[in-house]
N, C-alpha and C. Protein backbone atom coordinates (compact mmCIF):
# COMPACT_ATOMS: atom_id res chain seq x y z
N UNK A 1 37.84 137.57 125.67
CA UNK A 1 37.77 137.34 124.26
C UNK A 1 37.89 136.35 123.81
N UNK A 2 37.53 135.94 122.72
CA UNK A 2 37.51 134.80 122.14
C UNK A 2 38.89 134.41 121.66
N UNK A 3 39.24 133.22 121.48
CA UNK A 3 39.68 132.65 121.00
C UNK A 3 40.74 133.22 119.14
N UNK A 4 41.31 133.84 119.06
CA UNK A 4 41.64 134.52 117.66
C UNK A 4 42.78 133.08 117.03
N UNK A 5 42.23 133.06 115.89
CA UNK A 5 42.95 132.58 114.32
C UNK A 5 43.83 133.48 113.81
N UNK A 6 44.47 132.78 112.87
CA UNK A 6 45.26 133.48 112.44
C UNK A 6 44.65 134.12 110.92
N UNK A 7 43.79 133.34 110.33
CA UNK A 7 42.93 134.41 109.71
C UNK A 7 42.19 135.43 110.37
N UNK A 8 41.83 135.52 111.28
CA UNK A 8 41.13 136.53 112.35
C UNK A 8 41.95 137.54 112.79
N UNK A 9 43.30 137.24 112.88
CA UNK A 9 44.48 137.91 113.20
C UNK A 9 44.20 139.35 111.70
N UNK A 10 44.88 138.61 110.75
CA UNK A 10 44.66 139.21 109.61
C UNK A 10 43.93 139.44 108.64
N UNK A 11 42.71 139.03 109.23
CA UNK A 11 41.22 140.30 108.94
C UNK A 11 41.40 141.41 109.81
N UNK A 12 41.57 141.32 110.91
CA UNK A 12 41.85 142.43 111.96
C UNK A 12 42.79 143.39 111.04
N UNK A 13 44.04 142.93 111.22
CA UNK A 13 44.69 144.03 110.83
C UNK A 13 44.57 144.72 109.25
N UNK A 14 43.79 143.74 108.46
CA UNK A 14 43.44 144.30 107.04
C UNK A 14 42.67 145.06 107.43
N UNK A 15 41.76 145.07 108.38
CA UNK A 15 40.33 146.61 108.50
C UNK A 15 41.04 147.66 109.09
N UNK A 16 42.32 147.20 109.84
CA UNK A 16 42.67 148.33 110.96
C UNK A 16 43.92 149.46 109.98
N UNK A 17 44.81 148.56 109.05
CA UNK A 17 45.85 148.91 107.87
C UNK A 17 45.54 149.07 106.67
N UNK A 18 46.39 149.71 106.36
CA UNK A 18 46.33 149.18 103.93
C UNK A 18 47.44 148.42 104.34
N UNK A 19 47.46 147.38 103.74
CA UNK A 19 48.30 146.26 103.80
C UNK A 19 49.00 146.24 102.91
N UNK A 20 49.94 146.10 101.97
CA UNK A 20 50.52 145.78 101.50
C UNK A 20 51.12 144.45 100.50
N UNK A 21 50.68 143.50 101.26
CA UNK A 21 50.52 142.30 100.60
C UNK A 21 50.23 141.24 101.91
N UNK A 22 49.79 140.20 101.38
CA UNK A 22 49.09 139.45 102.76
C UNK A 22 49.03 137.57 102.38
N UNK A 23 49.41 136.98 102.87
CA UNK A 23 49.47 135.37 102.27
C UNK A 23 48.14 134.55 103.56
N UNK A 24 48.33 133.51 103.74
CA UNK A 24 47.74 132.88 104.69
C UNK A 24 47.91 132.81 105.89
N UNK A 25 49.30 133.50 106.50
CA UNK A 25 49.63 133.35 107.90
C UNK A 25 50.75 134.03 107.61
N UNK A 26 50.74 135.66 107.37
CA UNK A 26 51.24 136.78 106.94
C UNK A 26 50.96 138.09 105.95
N UNK A 27 51.14 138.98 106.91
CA UNK A 27 50.94 140.36 106.64
C UNK A 27 51.70 141.42 106.33
N UNK A 28 51.86 142.03 105.86
CA UNK A 28 53.02 143.55 105.08
C UNK A 28 52.15 144.53 105.30
N UNK A 29 52.91 145.47 105.80
CA UNK A 29 52.99 146.90 105.96
C UNK A 29 53.58 147.65 105.69
N UNK A 30 53.53 149.40 105.78
CA UNK A 30 54.48 150.28 105.86
C UNK A 30 53.93 151.50 107.50
N UNK A 31 54.54 151.73 107.80
CA UNK A 31 54.39 152.75 108.85
C UNK A 31 55.01 153.67 108.51
N UNK A 32 54.13 155.08 108.53
CA UNK A 32 54.83 156.24 108.55
C UNK A 32 55.05 156.46 110.12
N UNK A 33 56.32 157.62 110.53
CA UNK A 33 56.82 157.24 111.71
C UNK A 33 57.49 159.12 111.63
N UNK A 34 57.56 159.48 112.78
CA UNK A 34 58.64 160.91 113.01
C UNK A 34 59.34 160.23 114.34
N UNK A 35 60.54 160.15 113.84
CA UNK A 35 61.70 160.16 114.65
C UNK A 35 62.60 161.02 114.95
N UNK A 36 62.77 161.46 115.87
CA UNK A 36 63.70 163.08 116.92
C UNK A 36 63.32 164.02 114.93
N UNK A 37 62.15 164.23 115.26
CA UNK A 37 61.74 165.44 114.03
C UNK A 37 61.66 164.94 112.60
N UNK A 38 62.26 163.85 112.28
CA UNK A 38 62.48 163.38 111.15
C UNK A 38 61.22 162.53 110.71
N UNK A 39 60.74 162.60 108.79
CA UNK A 39 59.48 161.71 109.15
C UNK A 39 60.53 160.39 108.20
N UNK A 40 60.43 159.30 108.66
CA UNK A 40 60.49 158.39 107.86
C UNK A 40 59.18 157.48 107.49
N UNK A 41 59.39 156.01 106.82
CA UNK A 41 58.82 155.45 106.48
C UNK A 41 59.01 154.01 106.37
N UNK A 42 58.25 153.10 107.08
CA UNK A 42 59.22 151.84 108.45
C UNK A 42 58.31 150.62 107.85
N UNK A 43 59.06 149.63 107.27
CA UNK A 43 58.92 148.36 106.00
C UNK A 43 58.86 147.41 107.36
N UNK A 44 57.46 146.62 107.91
CA UNK A 44 57.34 145.44 108.44
C UNK A 44 57.00 144.23 107.88
N UNK A 45 57.08 142.86 108.25
CA UNK A 45 56.50 142.05 107.69
C UNK A 45 55.67 140.96 109.80
N UNK A 46 54.47 140.80 109.58
CA UNK A 46 53.99 140.14 110.59
C UNK A 46 53.20 138.67 110.30
N UNK A 47 54.03 137.70 110.99
CA UNK A 47 53.79 136.44 110.95
C UNK A 47 52.85 135.73 111.62
N UNK A 48 52.10 134.77 111.44
CA UNK A 48 50.94 134.45 112.57
C UNK A 48 50.77 133.06 112.34
N UNK A 49 51.59 131.88 113.71
CA UNK A 49 51.15 130.77 113.35
C UNK A 49 50.22 130.29 114.56
N UNK A 50 49.40 129.47 113.96
CA UNK A 50 48.72 128.66 115.37
C UNK A 50 49.03 127.82 115.75
N UNK A 51 49.23 127.89 117.11
CA UNK A 51 49.72 126.42 118.51
C UNK A 51 48.82 125.89 118.74
N UNK A 52 48.96 124.39 119.47
CA UNK A 52 48.12 124.46 120.20
C UNK A 52 47.49 124.96 121.45
N UNK A 53 48.15 125.65 121.65
CA UNK A 53 47.65 126.53 123.04
C UNK A 53 47.55 128.27 122.19
N UNK A 54 47.08 128.31 121.70
CA UNK A 54 46.80 130.03 121.12
C UNK A 54 48.01 130.37 119.82
N UNK A 55 48.79 131.15 119.58
CA UNK A 55 49.11 131.96 118.47
C UNK A 55 50.63 132.69 119.23
N UNK A 56 51.58 132.31 117.73
CA UNK A 56 52.73 132.65 117.77
C UNK A 56 53.50 133.95 116.98
N UNK A 57 53.15 134.68 117.53
CA UNK A 57 53.60 135.88 115.93
C UNK A 57 54.77 136.26 116.08
N UNK A 58 55.22 136.88 115.32
CA UNK A 58 56.71 137.53 115.12
C UNK A 58 56.51 138.26 114.07
N UNK A 59 57.00 139.47 114.60
CA UNK A 59 57.24 140.87 114.24
C UNK A 59 58.85 141.08 113.61
N UNK A 60 58.62 141.10 112.21
CA UNK A 60 59.97 141.38 111.42
C UNK A 60 59.79 142.26 110.83
N UNK A 61 60.97 143.25 111.44
CA UNK A 61 61.10 144.55 110.95
C UNK A 61 62.08 144.99 110.17
N UNK A 62 62.51 145.73 109.23
CA UNK A 62 63.65 145.97 108.83
C UNK A 62 64.12 147.43 109.25
N UNK A 63 65.57 147.07 109.74
CA UNK A 63 66.05 148.67 109.73
C UNK A 63 67.30 149.12 108.56
N UNK A 64 66.40 149.76 107.81
CA UNK A 64 67.20 150.50 107.23
C UNK A 64 68.56 151.20 107.11
N UNK A 65 68.92 150.88 106.87
CA UNK A 65 70.38 151.56 106.42
C UNK A 65 71.24 151.05 104.92
N UNK A 66 71.83 152.22 104.48
CA UNK A 66 72.64 151.52 102.85
C UNK A 66 73.92 151.08 102.98
N UNK A 67 74.27 151.37 104.41
CA UNK A 67 75.87 150.59 104.36
C UNK A 67 76.09 149.38 105.91
N UNK A 68 75.22 148.39 105.86
CA UNK A 68 74.99 148.14 106.96
C UNK A 68 76.35 147.57 107.97
N UNK A 69 77.42 147.06 106.91
CA UNK A 69 78.38 146.59 107.42
C UNK A 69 79.22 147.59 107.82
N UNK A 70 79.16 148.98 107.84
CA UNK A 70 79.96 149.33 108.37
C UNK A 70 79.55 150.30 109.99
N UNK A 71 78.33 149.80 110.23
CA UNK A 71 77.59 150.25 111.62
C UNK A 71 78.33 149.35 112.38
N UNK A 72 78.97 149.67 113.64
CA UNK A 72 79.13 148.94 115.25
C UNK A 72 77.86 148.49 116.05
N UNK A 73 77.06 148.09 115.36
CA UNK A 73 75.51 147.83 115.85
C UNK A 73 75.83 147.38 117.20
N UNK A 74 76.74 146.58 117.80
CA UNK A 74 76.90 146.62 119.30
C UNK A 74 76.76 147.85 120.24
N UNK A 75 77.40 149.20 119.49
CA UNK A 75 76.93 150.06 120.89
C UNK A 75 75.92 150.82 120.62
N UNK A 76 74.63 149.92 119.82
CA UNK A 76 73.19 150.59 119.58
C UNK A 76 72.27 150.36 120.44
N UNK A 77 71.62 150.86 121.54
CA UNK A 77 70.98 150.25 122.47
C UNK A 77 69.66 149.53 121.89
N UNK A 78 68.90 148.49 122.11
CA UNK A 78 67.57 147.90 121.38
C UNK A 78 67.12 148.28 122.90
N UNK A 79 65.55 148.67 122.74
CA UNK A 79 64.74 148.61 124.17
C UNK A 79 63.78 147.71 123.91
N UNK A 80 63.70 147.00 122.25
CA UNK A 80 62.47 146.31 121.94
C UNK A 80 62.58 145.36 121.27
N UNK A 81 62.35 144.10 121.41
CA UNK A 81 62.50 143.08 120.18
C UNK A 81 64.29 142.83 120.51
N UNK A 82 64.51 142.02 119.18
CA UNK A 82 66.28 141.53 119.18
C UNK A 82 66.93 142.10 117.77
N UNK A 83 67.74 142.46 117.81
CA UNK A 83 68.47 143.06 116.35
C UNK A 83 69.18 141.80 115.94
N UNK A 84 68.91 141.10 114.73
CA UNK A 84 69.33 140.40 113.94
C UNK A 84 69.51 140.74 112.86
N UNK A 85 70.00 139.49 111.58
CA UNK A 85 70.45 139.72 110.46
C UNK A 85 69.71 138.51 109.16
N UNK A 86 69.64 139.14 108.60
CA UNK A 86 68.51 138.14 107.64
C UNK A 86 68.88 138.07 106.01
N UNK A 87 70.05 137.52 105.83
CA UNK A 87 70.42 137.81 104.24
C UNK A 87 71.22 138.65 104.13
N UNK A 88 72.14 139.07 105.34
CA UNK A 88 72.76 140.66 105.53
C UNK A 88 72.24 141.99 105.74
N UNK A 89 70.65 141.67 105.77
CA UNK A 89 70.28 143.09 106.46
C UNK A 89 69.85 142.67 107.41
N UNK A 90 69.92 144.06 108.35
CA UNK A 90 69.73 144.13 109.57
C UNK A 90 67.99 143.96 110.01
N UNK A 91 67.79 143.81 110.69
CA UNK A 91 66.10 143.04 110.77
C UNK A 91 65.88 143.52 112.70
N UNK A 92 64.26 143.72 112.39
CA UNK A 92 64.43 144.04 114.64
C UNK A 92 63.37 142.56 114.49
N UNK A 93 63.32 142.09 115.69
CA UNK A 93 62.24 141.00 115.63
C UNK A 93 61.52 140.82 117.00
N UNK A 94 60.34 140.73 116.70
CA UNK A 94 60.10 140.20 118.34
C UNK A 94 58.62 139.68 118.60
N UNK A 95 58.80 138.75 119.02
CA UNK A 95 57.82 137.49 119.38
C UNK A 95 56.72 137.81 120.11
N UNK A 96 54.95 137.78 119.80
CA UNK A 96 53.94 138.12 120.62
C UNK A 96 53.58 136.65 120.55
N UNK A 97 53.47 136.05 121.49
CA UNK A 97 52.47 134.54 122.00
C UNK A 97 51.62 134.98 123.05
N UNK A 98 50.31 134.26 122.22
CA UNK A 98 49.64 134.38 123.79
C UNK A 98 48.20 133.29 123.27
N UNK A 99 47.47 132.87 124.19
CA UNK A 99 46.41 132.50 124.19
C UNK A 99 45.01 132.85 123.80
N UNK A 100 45.50 133.98 124.77
CA UNK A 100 44.30 135.25 124.27
C UNK A 100 44.25 136.37 123.75
N UNK A 101 45.15 136.44 122.54
CA UNK A 101 45.76 137.30 122.25
C UNK A 101 44.94 138.48 121.61
N UNK A 102 45.48 140.18 122.66
CA UNK A 102 44.48 141.14 122.60
C UNK A 102 44.64 141.90 121.46
N UNK A 103 44.00 142.37 119.77
CA UNK A 103 44.48 142.90 119.25
C UNK A 103 45.22 144.06 119.28
N UNK A 104 44.45 144.52 120.47
CA UNK A 104 45.03 145.89 120.66
C UNK A 104 46.49 146.40 121.16
N UNK A 105 46.78 145.42 122.06
CA UNK A 105 48.24 144.62 122.12
C UNK A 105 49.26 144.60 121.17
N UNK A 106 48.56 143.55 120.36
CA UNK A 106 49.02 143.55 118.85
C UNK A 106 49.98 144.41 118.30
N UNK A 107 48.83 145.21 118.54
CA UNK A 107 49.14 146.74 117.78
C UNK A 107 49.73 147.59 117.94
N UNK A 108 50.18 147.35 119.35
CA UNK A 108 51.00 148.64 119.95
C UNK A 108 52.64 148.40 119.94
N UNK A 109 52.53 146.45 120.36
CA UNK A 109 53.62 145.97 119.97
C UNK A 109 54.23 146.20 118.63
N UNK A 110 53.20 146.20 117.57
CA UNK A 110 53.71 146.14 116.15
C UNK A 110 54.38 147.52 115.62
N UNK A 111 53.85 148.52 116.49
CA UNK A 111 54.36 149.99 116.21
C UNK A 111 55.64 150.34 117.25
N UNK A 112 55.37 150.03 118.40
CA UNK A 112 56.87 150.09 118.94
C UNK A 112 57.98 149.43 118.26
N UNK A 113 57.40 148.56 117.64
CA UNK A 113 59.29 147.31 117.22
C UNK A 113 59.13 148.12 115.75
N UNK A 114 58.15 148.76 115.11
CA UNK A 114 58.38 149.96 113.73
C UNK A 114 58.94 150.60 114.14
N UNK A 115 58.55 151.98 115.38
CA UNK A 115 59.77 153.12 115.68
C UNK A 115 60.64 152.71 116.24
N UNK A 116 61.38 151.59 117.21
CA UNK A 116 62.61 151.52 117.24
C UNK A 116 63.45 150.55 116.22
N UNK A 117 62.68 150.25 115.45
CA UNK A 117 63.92 150.01 114.03
C UNK A 117 64.18 151.28 113.22
N UNK A 118 63.24 152.39 113.62
CA UNK A 118 63.17 153.50 112.55
C UNK A 118 64.15 154.33 113.66
N UNK A 119 64.11 154.41 114.62
CA UNK A 119 65.05 154.94 115.52
C UNK A 119 66.91 154.19 115.00
N UNK A 120 66.85 153.08 115.11
CA UNK A 120 67.81 152.40 114.98
C UNK A 120 68.49 152.68 113.77
N UNK A 121 67.62 152.65 112.52
CA UNK A 121 67.91 152.86 111.18
C UNK A 121 68.48 154.33 111.21
N UNK A 122 67.79 155.28 111.90
CA UNK A 122 68.49 156.74 112.21
C UNK A 122 69.77 156.72 112.87
N UNK A 123 69.94 156.31 113.99
CA UNK A 123 71.52 156.28 114.56
C UNK A 123 72.71 155.43 113.59
N UNK A 124 72.00 154.70 112.80
CA UNK A 124 72.63 154.08 112.36
C UNK A 124 73.30 154.38 111.04
N UNK A 125 72.45 155.48 110.51
CA UNK A 125 72.99 156.07 109.27
C UNK A 125 73.74 157.88 109.67
N UNK A 126 73.37 158.04 111.13
CA UNK A 126 74.23 159.03 111.48
C UNK A 126 75.91 158.66 112.23
N UNK A 127 76.07 157.54 112.83
CA UNK A 127 77.13 156.38 112.99
C UNK A 127 78.06 156.78 111.78
N UNK A 128 77.50 155.95 110.56
CA UNK A 128 77.60 155.45 109.10
C UNK A 128 78.57 157.04 108.55
N UNK A 129 77.85 158.00 109.25
CA UNK A 129 78.06 159.62 108.24
C UNK A 129 79.61 160.11 108.64
């Protein structure tokens, strides 16, 4: 595979997904997922930076919940990405770094992170109820 640039990754993702926003080094999209029989829509932003030895991609996915301060986040198991907070909102971050970044692999990781965030949001809603 040839070396991907940030522009090439964005063009590839624009061909494969309906993007709700994009810039010179980022794209924004929404996933439609089913988690435990419940349909949900999951927001995600993908940031792409060019490094000397390849690309650095950061997948930033919101964990939707109404009262994040009421959730005991420490008891929720995270199997993909790292749970963090950005301005008080819970997010799941997953970096992908590679010299020869495979677009199919990137898409699989993006979907896995979106699904994990949707699962966390569902568990957070149930725990806060």
